[in-house]
Amino acid sequence: MKEITVIELKKLKDTEVDFQLIDVREGHEVEICVMGGEHIPMGDVLDNLDKISKTKQVIVHCRSGARSGAICQALEKEGYTNVYNLKGGIIAWATDVDTTLTKY
């Protein structure tokens, strides 16, 4: 499984590279804090493959990186070669990039 750090993600966002960011957390978690991207809850990802790009870089995140890692592995089994797990998830983002976000 490929991973990307929050610092690498910040650089992508700053340079406006065309990529897809997917948040696989549950709805109540998204209400606490967000960092952008498309919300597809973990349990719904495999039913929404048509929403996930096979051509551009896809970065998947959750709270800590565990659930998004599992989703990356599942997507790889579906033939995706362009998915990256956000190492440390939104906790790492809130710690190292946007300290205004609420940690939970």
PDB file of N, CA and C in Angstrom:
ATOM      1  N   MET A   1       0.847  -1.184   0.000  1.00  0.00           N
ATOM      2  CA  MET A   1       0.000   0.000   0.000  1.00  0.00           C
ATOM      3  C   MET A   1       0.890   1.245   0.000  1.00  0.00           C
ATOM      4  N   LYS A   2       0.556   2.175  -0.878  1.00  0.00           N
ATOM      5  CA  LYS A   2       1.296   3.424  -0.955  1.00  0.00           C
ATOM      6  C   LYS A   2       0.715   4.412   0.057  1.00  0.00           C
ATOM      7  N   GLU A   3       1.593   5.230   0.614  1.00  0.00           N
ATOM      8  CA  GLU A   3       1.162   6.240   1.579  1.00  0.00           C
ATOM      9  C   GLU A   3       1.703   7.597   1.185  1.00  0.00           C
ATOM     10  N   ILE A   4       1.046   8.622   1.692  1.00  0.00           N
ATOM     11  CA  ILE A   4       1.478  10.002   1.503  1.00  0.00           C
ATOM     12  C   ILE A   4       1.398  10.680   2.871  1.00  0.00           C
ATOM     13  N   THR A   5       2.322  11.564   3.156  1.00  0.00           N
ATOM     14  CA  THR A   5       2.302  12.281   4.434  1.00  0.00           C
ATOM     15  C   THR A   5       1.437  13.532   4.307  1.00  0.00           C
ATOM     16  N   VAL A   6       1.079  14.097   5.442  1.00  0.00           N
ATOM     17  CA  VAL A   6       0.269  15.316   5.420  1.00  0.00           C
ATOM     18  C   VAL A   6       1.054  16.481   4.818  1.00  0.00           C
ATOM     19  N   ILE A   7       2.366  16.487   4.990  1.00  0.00           N
ATOM     20  CA  ILE A   7       3.201  17.544   4.410  1.00  0.00           C
ATOM     21  C   ILE A   7       3.195  17.423   2.881  1.00  0.00           C
ATOM     22  N   GLU A   8       3.286  16.189   2.384  1.00  0.00           N
ATOM     23  CA  GLU A   8       3.218  15.976   0.934  1.00  0.00           C
ATOM     24  C   GLU A   8       1.847  16.373   0.389  1.00  0.00           C
ATOM     25  N   LEU A   9       0.789  16.066   1.134  1.00  0.00           N
ATOM     26  CA  LEU A   9      -0.553  16.455   0.723  1.00  0.00           C
ATOM     27  C   LEU A   9      -0.692  17.972   0.700  1.00  0.00           C
ATOM     28  N   LYS A  10      -0.161  18.638   1.694  1.00  0.00           N
ATOM     29  CA  LYS A  10      -0.210  20.109   1.732  1.00  0.00           C
ATOM     30  C   LYS A  10       0.461  20.689   0.491  1.00  0.00           C
ATOM     31  N   LYS A  11       1.609  20.122   0.101  1.00  0.00           N
ATOM     32  CA  LYS A  11       2.305  20.601  -1.099  1.00  0.00           C
ATOM     33  C   LYS A  11       1.439  20.400  -2.337  1.00  0.00           C
ATOM     34  N   LEU A  12       0.751  19.249  -2.422  1.00  0.00           N
ATOM     35  CA  LEU A  12      -0.150  19.013  -3.554  1.00  0.00           C
ATOM     36  C   LEU A  12      -1.258  20.061  -3.595  1.00  0.00           C
ATOM     37  N   LYS A  13      -1.856  20.331  -2.432  1.00  0.00           N
ATOM     38  CA  LYS A  13      -2.932  21.320  -2.366  1.00  0.00           C
ATOM     39  C   LYS A  13      -2.420  22.710  -2.734  1.00  0.00           C
ATOM     40  N   ASP A  14      -1.237  23.049  -2.273  1.00  0.00           N
ATOM     41  CA  ASP A  14      -0.668  24.376  -2.536  1.00  0.00           C
ATOM     42  C   ASP A  14      -0.331  24.584  -4.005  1.00  0.00           C
ATOM     43  N   THR A  15       0.020  23.516  -4.708  1.00  0.00           N
ATOM     44  CA  THR A  15       0.396  23.641  -6.116  1.00  0.00           C
ATOM     45  C   THR A  15      -0.785  23.376  -7.038  1.00  0.00           C
ATOM     46  N   GLU A  16      -1.934  23.094  -6.465  1.00  0.00           N
ATOM     47  CA  GLU A  16      -3.166  22.863  -7.224  1.00  0.00           C
ATOM     48  C   GLU A  16      -3.044  21.719  -8.224  1.00  0.00           C
ATOM     49  N   VAL A  17      -2.287  20.691  -7.854  1.00  0.00           N
ATOM     50  CA  VAL A  17      -2.204  19.476  -8.659  1.00  0.00           C
ATOM     51  C   VAL A  17      -3.585  18.830  -8.678  1.00  0.00           C
ATOM     52  N   ASP A  18      -3.966  18.243  -9.800  1.00  0.00           N
ATOM     53  CA  ASP A  18      -5.271  17.607  -9.923  1.00  0.00           C
ATOM     54  C   ASP A  18      -5.222  16.213  -9.299  1.00  0.00           C
ATOM     55  N   PHE A  19      -5.852  16.072  -8.143  1.00  0.00           N
ATOM     56  CA  PHE A  19      -5.936  14.789  -7.453  1.00  0.00           C
ATOM     57  C   PHE A  19      -7.296  14.696  -6.799  1.00  0.00           C
ATOM     58  N   GLN A  20      -7.629  13.511  -6.320  1.00  0.00           N
ATOM     59  CA  GLN A  20      -8.910  13.312  -5.644  1.00  0.00           C
ATOM     60  C   GLN A  20      -8.640  12.957  -4.185  1.00  0.00           C
ATOM     61  N   LEU A  21      -9.316  13.657  -3.288  1.00  0.00           N
ATOM     62  CA  LEU A  21      -9.207  13.399  -1.848  1.00  0.00           C
ATOM     63  C   LEU A  21     -10.529  12.820  -1.375  1.00  0.00           C
ATOM     64  N   ILE A  22     -10.463  11.653  -0.750  1.00  0.00           N
ATOM     65  CA  ILE A  22     -11.674  10.982  -0.278  1.00  0.00           C
ATOM     66  C   ILE A  22     -11.594  10.790   1.232  1.00  0.00           C
ATOM     67  N   ASP A  23     -12.638  11.229   1.912  1.00  0.00           N
ATOM     68  CA  ASP A  23     -12.776  11.117   3.368  1.00  0.00           C
ATOM     69  C   ASP A  23     -13.708   9.933   3.645  1.00  0.00           C
ATOM     70  N   VAL A  24     -13.188   8.880   4.287  1.00  0.00           N
ATOM     71  CA  VAL A  24     -13.998   7.679   4.533  1.00  0.00           C
ATOM     72  C   VAL A  24     -14.547   7.613   5.960  1.00  0.00           C
ATOM     73  N   ARG A  25     -14.465   8.732   6.696  1.00  0.00           N
ATOM     74  CA  ARG A  25     -14.997   8.746   8.056  1.00  0.00           C
ATOM     75  C   ARG A  25     -16.527   8.752   8.017  1.00  0.00           C
ATOM     76  N   GLU A  26     -17.122   8.516   9.161  1.00  0.00           N
ATOM     77  CA  GLU A  26     -18.578   8.537   9.290  1.00  0.00           C
ATOM     78  C   GLU A  26     -19.073   9.983   9.344  1.00  0.00           C
ATOM     79  N   GLY A  27     -20.352  10.165   9.052  1.00  0.00           N
ATOM     80  CA  GLY A  27     -20.940  11.497   9.013  1.00  0.00           C
ATOM     81  C   GLY A  27     -20.752  12.309  10.275  1.00  0.00           C
ATOM     82  N   HIS A  28     -20.900  11.665  11.431  1.00  0.00           N
ATOM     83  CA  HIS A  28     -20.756  12.410  12.690  1.00  0.00           C
ATOM     84  C   HIS A  28     -19.315  12.889  12.888  1.00  0.00           C
ATOM     85  N   GLU A  29     -18.343  12.191  12.300  1.00  0.00           N
ATOM     86  CA  GLU A  29     -16.949  12.621  12.401  1.00  0.00           C
ATOM     87  C   GLU A  29     -16.690  13.825  11.497  1.00  0.00           C
ATOM     88  N   VAL A  30     -17.312  13.812  10.334  1.00  0.00           N
ATOM     89  CA  VAL A  30     -17.156  14.916   9.389  1.00  0.00           C
ATOM     90  C   VAL A  30     -17.719  16.200   9.983  1.00  0.00           C
ATOM     91  N   GLU A  31     -18.744  16.070  10.820  1.00  0.00           N
ATOM     92  CA  GLU A  31     -19.317  17.247  11.479  1.00  0.00           C
ATOM     93  C   GLU A  31     -18.336  17.888  12.453  1.00  0.00           C
ATOM     94  N   ILE A  32     -17.382  17.123  12.960  1.00  0.00           N
ATOM     95  CA  ILE A  32     -16.409  17.640  13.924  1.00  0.00           C
ATOM     96  C   ILE A  32     -15.340  18.474  13.232  1.00  0.00           C
ATOM     97  N   CYS A  33     -14.797  17.960  12.133  1.00  0.00           N
ATOM     98  CA  CYS A  33     -13.770  18.687  11.389  1.00  0.00           C
ATOM     99  C   CYS A  33     -13.626  18.106   9.992  1.00  0.00           C
ATOM    100  N   VAL A  34     -13.237  18.964   9.057  1.00  0.00           N
ATOM    101  CA  VAL A  34     -13.031  18.540   7.669  1.00  0.00           C
ATOM    102  C   VAL A  34     -11.769  19.190   7.120  1.00  0.00           C
ATOM    103  N   MET A  35     -11.210  18.532   6.115  1.00  0.00           N
ATOM    104  CA  MET A  35     -10.044  19.092   5.432  1.00  0.00           C
ATOM    105  C   MET A  35     -10.263  19.136   3.931  1.00  0.00           C
ATOM    106  N   GLY A  36     -11.522  19.049   3.529  1.00  0.00           N
ATOM    107  CA  GLY A  36     -11.852  19.085   2.119  1.00  0.00           C
ATOM    108  C   GLY A  36     -11.968  17.682   1.551  1.00  0.00           C
ATOM    109  N   GLY A  37     -12.257  17.624   0.281  1.00  0.00           N
ATOM    110  CA  GLY A  37     -12.390  16.330  -0.372  1.00  0.00           C
ATOM    111  C   GLY A  37     -13.820  15.837  -0.403  1.00  0.00           C
ATOM    112  N   GLU A  38     -13.978  14.672  -0.952  1.00  0.00           N
ATOM    113  CA  GLU A  38     -15.287  14.054  -1.125  1.00  0.00           C
ATOM    114  C   GLU A  38     -15.545  13.069   0.005  1.00  0.00           C
ATOM    115  N   HIS A  39     -16.724  13.146   0.606  1.00  0.00           N
ATOM    116  CA  HIS A  39     -17.068  12.250   1.703  1.00  0.00           C
ATOM    117  C   HIS A  39     -17.780  11.019   1.161  1.00  0.00           C
ATOM    118  N   ILE A  40     -17.126   9.874   1.307  1.00  0.00           N
ATOM    119  CA  ILE A  40     -17.739   8.579   1.000  1.00  0.00           C
ATOM    120  C   ILE A  40     -17.455   7.689   2.210  1.00  0.00           C
ATOM    121  N   PRO A  41     -18.433   7.476   3.095  1.00  0.00           N
ATOM    122  CA  PRO A  41     -18.187   6.661   4.288  1.00  0.00           C
ATOM    123  C   PRO A  41     -17.594   5.294   3.938  1.00  0.00           C
ATOM    124  N   MET A  42     -16.764   4.795   4.809  1.00  0.00           N
ATOM    125  CA  MET A  42     -16.050   3.540   4.587  1.00  0.00           C
ATOM    126  C   MET A  42     -16.959   2.429   4.070  1.00  0.00           C
ATOM    127  N   GLY A  43     -18.111   2.258   4.677  1.00  0.00           N
ATOM    128  CA  GLY A  43     -19.022   1.187   4.300  1.00  0.00           C
ATOM    129  C   GLY A  43     -19.658   1.359   2.933  1.00  0.00           C
ATOM    130  N   ASP A  44     -19.541   2.555   2.359  1.00  0.00           N
ATOM    131  CA  ASP A  44     -20.157   2.839   1.062  1.00  0.00           C
ATOM    132  C   ASP A  44     -19.165   2.887  -0.091  1.00  0.00           C
ATOM    133  N   VAL A  45     -17.878   2.797   0.199  1.00  0.00           N
ATOM    134  CA  VAL A  45     -16.861   2.992  -0.838  1.00  0.00           C
ATOM    135  C   VAL A  45     -17.008   1.995  -1.987  1.00  0.00           C
ATOM    136  N   LEU A  46     -17.114   0.717  -1.695  1.00  0.00           N
ATOM    137  CA  LEU A  46     -17.151  -0.281  -2.756  1.00  0.00           C
ATOM    138  C   LEU A  46     -18.430  -0.202  -3.592  1.00  0.00           C
ATOM    139  N   ASP A  47     -19.468   0.440  -3.056  1.00  0.00           N
ATOM    140  CA  ASP A  47     -20.692   0.660  -3.820  1.00  0.00           C
ATOM    141  C   ASP A  47     -20.620   1.937  -4.655  1.00  0.00           C
ATOM    142  N   ASN A  48     -19.530   2.681  -4.517  1.00  0.00           N
ATOM    143  CA  ASN A  48     -19.377   3.960  -5.212  1.00  0.00           C
ATOM    144  C   ASN A  48     -18.087   4.032  -6.025  1.00  0.00           C
ATOM    145  N   LEU A  49     -17.661   2.911  -6.564  1.00  0.00           N
ATOM    146  CA  LEU A  49     -16.417   2.884  -7.334  1.00  0.00           C
ATOM    147  C   LEU A  49     -16.469   3.827  -8.529  1.00  0.00           C
ATOM    148  N   ASP A  50     -17.652   4.072  -9.051  1.00  0.00           N
ATOM    149  CA  ASP A  50     -17.794   4.972 -10.192  1.00  0.00           C
ATOM    150  C   ASP A  50     -17.433   6.413  -9.844  1.00  0.00           C
ATOM    151  N   LYS A  51     -17.368   6.752  -8.555  1.00  0.00           N
ATOM    152  CA  LYS A  51     -17.009   8.094  -8.112  1.00  0.00           C
ATOM    153  C   LYS A  51     -15.511   8.244  -7.865  1.00  0.00           C
ATOM    154  N   ILE A  52     -14.769   7.142  -7.958  1.00  0.00           N
ATOM    155  CA  ILE A  52     -13.342   7.153  -7.636  1.00  0.00           C
ATOM    156  C   ILE A  52     -12.533   7.059  -8.923  1.00  0.00           C
ATOM    157  N   SER A  53     -11.660   8.042  -9.118  1.00  0.00           N
ATOM    158  CA  SER A  53     -10.870   8.121 -10.341  1.00  0.00           C
ATOM    159  C   SER A  53      -9.890   6.955 -10.459  1.00  0.00           C
ATOM    160  N   LYS A  54      -9.735   6.469 -11.678  1.00  0.00           N
ATOM    161  CA  LYS A  54      -8.712   5.455 -11.948  1.00  0.00           C
ATOM    162  C   LYS A  54      -7.520   6.075 -12.663  1.00  0.00           C
ATOM    163  N   THR A  55      -7.606   7.369 -12.966  1.00  0.00           N
ATOM    164  CA  THR A  55      -6.538   8.004 -13.736  1.00  0.00           C
ATOM    165  C   THR A  55      -5.703   8.994 -12.925  1.00  0.00           C
ATOM    166  N   LYS A  56      -6.325   9.751 -12.041  1.00  0.00           N
ATOM    167  CA  LYS A  56      -5.518  10.689 -11.253  1.00  0.00           C
ATOM    168  C   LYS A  56      -5.219  10.115  -9.870  1.00  0.00           C
ATOM    169  N   GLN A  57      -4.287  10.726  -9.178  1.00  0.00           N
ATOM    170  CA  GLN A  57      -3.917  10.275  -7.844  1.00  0.00           C
ATOM    171  C   GLN A  57      -5.112  10.410  -6.907  1.00  0.00           C
ATOM    172  N   VAL A  58      -5.399   9.344  -6.166  1.00  0.00           N
ATOM    173  CA  VAL A  58      -6.499   9.325  -5.207  1.00  0.00           C
ATOM    174  C   VAL A  58      -5.891   9.155  -3.815  1.00  0.00           C
ATOM    175  N   ILE A  59      -6.186  10.113  -2.939  1.00  0.00           N
ATOM    176  CA  ILE A  59      -5.692  10.068  -1.566  1.00  0.00           C
ATOM    177  C   ILE A  59      -6.895   9.824  -0.667  1.00  0.00           C
ATOM    178  N   VAL A  60      -6.791   8.795   0.157  1.00  0.00           N
ATOM    179  CA  VAL A  60      -7.884   8.390   1.035  1.00  0.00           C
ATOM    180  C   VAL A  60      -7.478   8.703   2.474  1.00  0.00           C
ATOM    181  N   HIS A  61      -8.399   9.313   3.226  1.00  0.00           N
ATOM    182  CA  HIS A  61      -8.077   9.602   4.628  1.00  0.00           C
ATOM    183  C   HIS A  61      -9.243   9.281   5.556  1.00  0.00           C
ATOM    184  N   CYS A  62      -8.882   9.077   6.815  1.00  0.00           N
ATOM    185  CA  CYS A  62      -9.846   8.871   7.896  1.00  0.00           C
ATOM    186  C   CYS A  62      -9.319   9.641   9.102  1.00  0.00           C
ATOM    187  N   ARG A  63      -9.630   9.193  10.275  1.00  0.00           N
ATOM    188  CA  ARG A  63      -9.166   9.885  11.486  1.00  0.00           C
ATOM    189  C   ARG A  63      -7.675   9.662  11.707  1.00  0.00           C
ATOM    190  N   SER A  64      -7.227   8.389  11.662  1.00  0.00           N
ATOM    191  CA  SER A  64      -5.838   8.085  12.010  1.00  0.00           C
ATOM    192  C   SER A  64      -5.042   7.392  10.909  1.00  0.00           C
ATOM    193  N   GLY A  65      -5.721   6.938   9.875  1.00  0.00           N
ATOM    194  CA  GLY A  65      -5.039   6.238   8.792  1.00  0.00           C
ATOM    195  C   GLY A  65      -5.322   4.752   8.728  1.00  0.00           C
ATOM    196  N   ALA A  66      -5.969   4.199   9.751  1.00  0.00           N
ATOM    197  CA  ALA A  66      -6.243   2.752   9.772  1.00  0.00           C
ATOM    198  C   ALA A  66      -7.370   2.372   8.803  1.00  0.00           C
ATOM    199  N   ARG A  67      -8.502   3.043   8.919  1.00  0.00           N
ATOM    200  CA  ARG A  67      -9.632   2.729   8.033  1.00  0.00           C
ATOM    201  C   ARG A  67      -9.307   3.063   6.583  1.00  0.00           C
ATOM    202  N   SER A  68      -8.673   4.195   6.367  1.00  0.00           N
ATOM    203  CA  SER A  68      -8.320   4.565   4.995  1.00  0.00           C
ATOM    204  C   SER A  68      -7.310   3.585   4.412  1.00  0.00           C
ATOM    205  N   GLY A  69      -6.436   3.040   5.252  1.00  0.00           N
ATOM    206  CA  GLY A  69      -5.499   2.016   4.789  1.00  0.00           C
ATOM    207  C   GLY A  69      -6.230   0.769   4.331  1.00  0.00           C
ATOM    208  N   ALA A  70      -7.239   0.373   5.076  1.00  0.00           N
ATOM    209  CA  ALA A  70      -8.041  -0.798   4.696  1.00  0.00           C
ATOM    210  C   ALA A  70      -8.775  -0.535   3.386  1.00  0.00           C
ATOM    211  N   ILE A  71      -9.265   0.683   3.207  1.00  0.00           N
ATOM    212  CA  ILE A  71      -9.952   1.037   1.964  1.00  0.00           C
ATOM    213  C   ILE A  71      -8.974   1.041   0.794  1.00  0.00           C
ATOM    214  N   CYS A  72      -7.778   1.549   1.005  1.00  0.00           N
ATOM    215  CA  CYS A  72      -6.765   1.519  -0.062  1.00  0.00           C
ATOM    216  C   CYS A  72      -6.483   0.085  -0.492  1.00  0.00           C
ATOM    217  N   GLN A  73      -6.358  -0.806   0.470  1.00  0.00           N
ATOM    218  CA  GLN A  73      -6.119  -2.219   0.142  1.00  0.00           C
ATOM    219  C   GLN A  73      -7.291  -2.810  -0.625  1.00  0.00           C
ATOM    220  N   ALA A  74      -8.506  -2.473  -0.228  1.00  0.00           N
ATOM    221  CA  ALA A  74      -9.695  -2.971  -0.933  1.00  0.00           C
ATOM    222  C   ALA A  74      -9.750  -2.424  -2.352  1.00  0.00           C
ATOM    223  N   LEU A  75      -9.411  -1.156  -2.521  1.00  0.00           N
ATOM    224  CA  LEU A  75      -9.411  -0.558  -3.856  1.00  0.00           C
ATOM    225  C   LEU A  75      -8.328  -1.190  -4.736  1.00  0.00           C
ATOM    226  N   GLU A  76      -7.190  -1.488  -4.147  1.00  0.00           N
ATOM    227  CA  GLU A  76      -6.126  -2.158  -4.903  1.00  0.00           C
ATOM    228  C   GLU A  76      -6.604  -3.523  -5.397  1.00  0.00           C
ATOM    229  N   LYS A  77      -7.373  -4.224  -4.584  1.00  0.00           N
ATOM    230  CA  LYS A  77      -7.929  -5.521  -5.005  1.00  0.00           C
ATOM    231  C   LYS A  77      -8.930  -5.347  -6.147  1.00  0.00           C
ATOM    232  N   GLU A  78      -9.514  -4.162  -6.241  1.00  0.00           N
ATOM    233  CA  GLU A  78     -10.466  -3.856  -7.319  1.00  0.00           C
ATOM    234  C   GLU A  78      -9.742  -3.365  -8.581  1.00  0.00           C
ATOM    235  N   GLY A  79      -8.416  -3.321  -8.526  1.00  0.00           N
ATOM    236  CA  GLY A  79      -7.648  -2.934  -9.701  1.00  0.00           C
ATOM    237  C   GLY A  79      -7.088  -1.522  -9.691  1.00  0.00           C
ATOM    238  N   TYR A  80      -7.323  -0.768  -8.636  1.00  0.00           N
ATOM    239  CA  TYR A  80      -6.785   0.590  -8.547  1.00  0.00           C
ATOM    240  C   TYR A  80      -5.289   0.544  -8.248  1.00  0.00           C
ATOM    241  N   THR A  81      -4.519   1.308  -9.005  1.00  0.00           N
ATOM    242  CA  THR A  81      -3.068   1.385  -8.785  1.00  0.00           C
ATOM    243  C   THR A  81      -2.648   2.798  -8.394  1.00  0.00           C
ATOM    244  N   ASN A  82      -3.618   3.685  -8.255  1.00  0.00           N
ATOM    245  CA  ASN A  82      -3.362   5.107  -8.044  1.00  0.00           C
ATOM    246  C   ASN A  82      -3.835   5.615  -6.681  1.00  0.00           C
ATOM    247  N   VAL A  83      -4.033   4.704  -5.712  1.00  0.00           N
ATOM    248  CA  VAL A  83      -4.546   5.118  -4.405  1.00  0.00           C
ATOM    249  C   VAL A  83      -3.424   5.206  -3.374  1.00  0.00           C
ATOM    250  N   TYR A  84      -3.560   6.212  -2.514  1.00  0.00           N
ATOM    251  CA  TYR A  84      -2.580   6.478  -1.466  1.00  0.00           C
ATOM    252  C   TYR A  84      -3.309   6.691  -0.155  1.00  0.00           C
ATOM    253  N   ASN A  85      -2.800   6.084   0.897  1.00  0.00           N
ATOM    254  CA  ASN A  85      -3.341   6.287   2.237  1.00  0.00           C
ATOM    255  C   ASN A  85      -2.674   7.512   2.853  1.00  0.00           C
ATOM    256  N   LEU A  86      -3.478   8.386   3.476  1.00  0.00           N
ATOM    257  CA  LEU A  86      -2.908   9.536   4.176  1.00  0.00           C
ATOM    258  C   LEU A  86      -2.391   9.063   5.534  1.00  0.00           C
ATOM    259  N   LYS A  87      -1.096   9.030   5.661  1.00  0.00           N
ATOM    260  CA  LYS A  87      -0.444   8.538   6.885  1.00  0.00           C
ATOM    261  C   LYS A  87      -0.810   9.445   8.062  1.00  0.00           C
ATOM    262  N   GLY A  88      -1.398   8.860   9.106  1.00  0.00           N
ATOM    263  CA  GLY A  88      -1.766   9.614  10.295  1.00  0.00           C
ATOM    264  C   GLY A  88      -3.135  10.269  10.225  1.00  0.00           C
ATOM    265  N   GLY A  89      -3.753  10.257   9.044  1.00  0.00           N
ATOM    266  CA  GLY A  89      -5.107  10.769   8.877  1.00  0.00           C
ATOM    267  C   GLY A  89      -5.281  12.227   9.246  1.00  0.00           C
ATOM    268  N   ILE A  90      -6.517  12.564   9.575  1.00  0.00           N
ATOM    269  CA  ILE A  90      -6.833  13.960   9.876  1.00  0.00           C
ATOM    270  C   ILE A  90      -6.207  14.398  11.207  1.00  0.00           C
ATOM    271  N   ILE A  91      -5.866  13.437  12.069  1.00  0.00           N
ATOM    272  CA  ILE A  91      -5.155  13.795  13.308  1.00  0.00           C
ATOM    273  C   ILE A  91      -3.796  14.400  12.960  1.00  0.00           C
ATOM    274  N   ALA A  92      -3.070  13.767  12.038  1.00  0.00           N
ATOM    275  CA  ALA A  92      -1.766  14.290  11.621  1.00  0.00           C
ATOM    276  C   ALA A  92      -1.937  15.642  10.918  1.00  0.00           C
ATOM    277  N   TRP A  93      -2.987  15.772  10.109  1.00  0.00           N
ATOM    278  CA  TRP A  93      -3.248  17.044   9.430  1.00  0.00           C
ATOM    279  C   TRP A  93      -3.485  18.155  10.457  1.00  0.00           C
ATOM    280  N   ALA A  94      -4.295  17.859  11.479  1.00  0.00           N
ATOM    281  CA  ALA A  94      -4.605  18.855  12.515  1.00  0.00           C
ATOM    282  C   ALA A  94      -3.389  19.161  13.387  1.00  0.00           C
ATOM    283  N   THR A  95      -2.464  18.241  13.484  1.00  0.00           N
ATOM    284  CA  THR A  95      -1.259  18.446  14.289  1.00  0.00           C
ATOM    285  C   THR A  95      -0.184  19.212  13.520  1.00  0.00           C
ATOM    286  N   ASP A  96       0.030  18.840  12.258  1.00  0.00           N
ATOM    287  CA  ASP A  96       1.168  19.349  11.506  1.00  0.00           C
ATOM    288  C   ASP A  96       0.855  20.419  10.460  1.00  0.00           C
ATOM    289  N   VAL A  97      -0.420  20.529  10.061  1.00  0.00           N
ATOM    290  CA  VAL A  97      -0.748  21.449   8.968  1.00  0.00           C
ATOM    291  C   VAL A  97      -1.760  22.510   9.402  1.00  0.00           C
ATOM    292  N   ASP A  98      -2.922  22.108   9.877  1.00  0.00           N
ATOM    293  CA  ASP A  98      -3.979  23.052  10.242  1.00  0.00           C
ATOM    294  C   ASP A  98      -4.355  22.853  11.707  1.00  0.00           C
ATOM    295  N   THR A  99      -3.660  23.556  12.568  1.00  0.00           N
ATOM    296  CA  THR A  99      -3.851  23.393  14.014  1.00  0.00           C
ATOM    297  C   THR A  99      -5.170  23.994  14.512  1.00  0.00           C
ATOM    298  N   THR A 100      -5.929  24.625  13.615  1.00  0.00           N
ATOM    299  CA  THR A 100      -7.233  25.160  14.024  1.00  0.00           C
ATOM    300  C   THR A 100      -8.304  24.075  14.042  1.00  0.00           C
ATOM    301  N   LEU A 101      -8.034  22.944  13.422  1.00  0.00           N
ATOM    302  CA  LEU A 101      -9.023  21.862  13.389  1.00  0.00           C
ATOM    303  C   LEU A 101      -9.163  21.199  14.756  1.00  0.00           C
ATOM    304  N   THR A 102     -10.365  20.775  15.063  1.00  0.00           N
ATOM    305  CA  THR A 102     -10.635  20.069  16.306  1.00  0.00           C
ATOM    306  C   THR A 102     -10.150  18.630  16.194  1.00  0.00           C
ATOM    307  N   LYS A 103      -9.357  18.210  17.172  1.00  0.00           N
ATOM    308  CA  LYS A 103      -8.914  16.820  17.234  1.00  0.00           C
ATOM    309  C   LYS A 103      -9.906  16.037  18.086  1.00  0.00           C
ATOM    310  N   TYR A 104     -10.140  14.804  17.712  1.00  0.00           N
ATOM    311  CA  TYR A 104     -11.067  13.969  18.481  1.00  0.00           C
ATOM    312  C   TYR A 104     -10.567  12.555  18.531  1.00  0.00           C
TER     313      TYR A 104
END
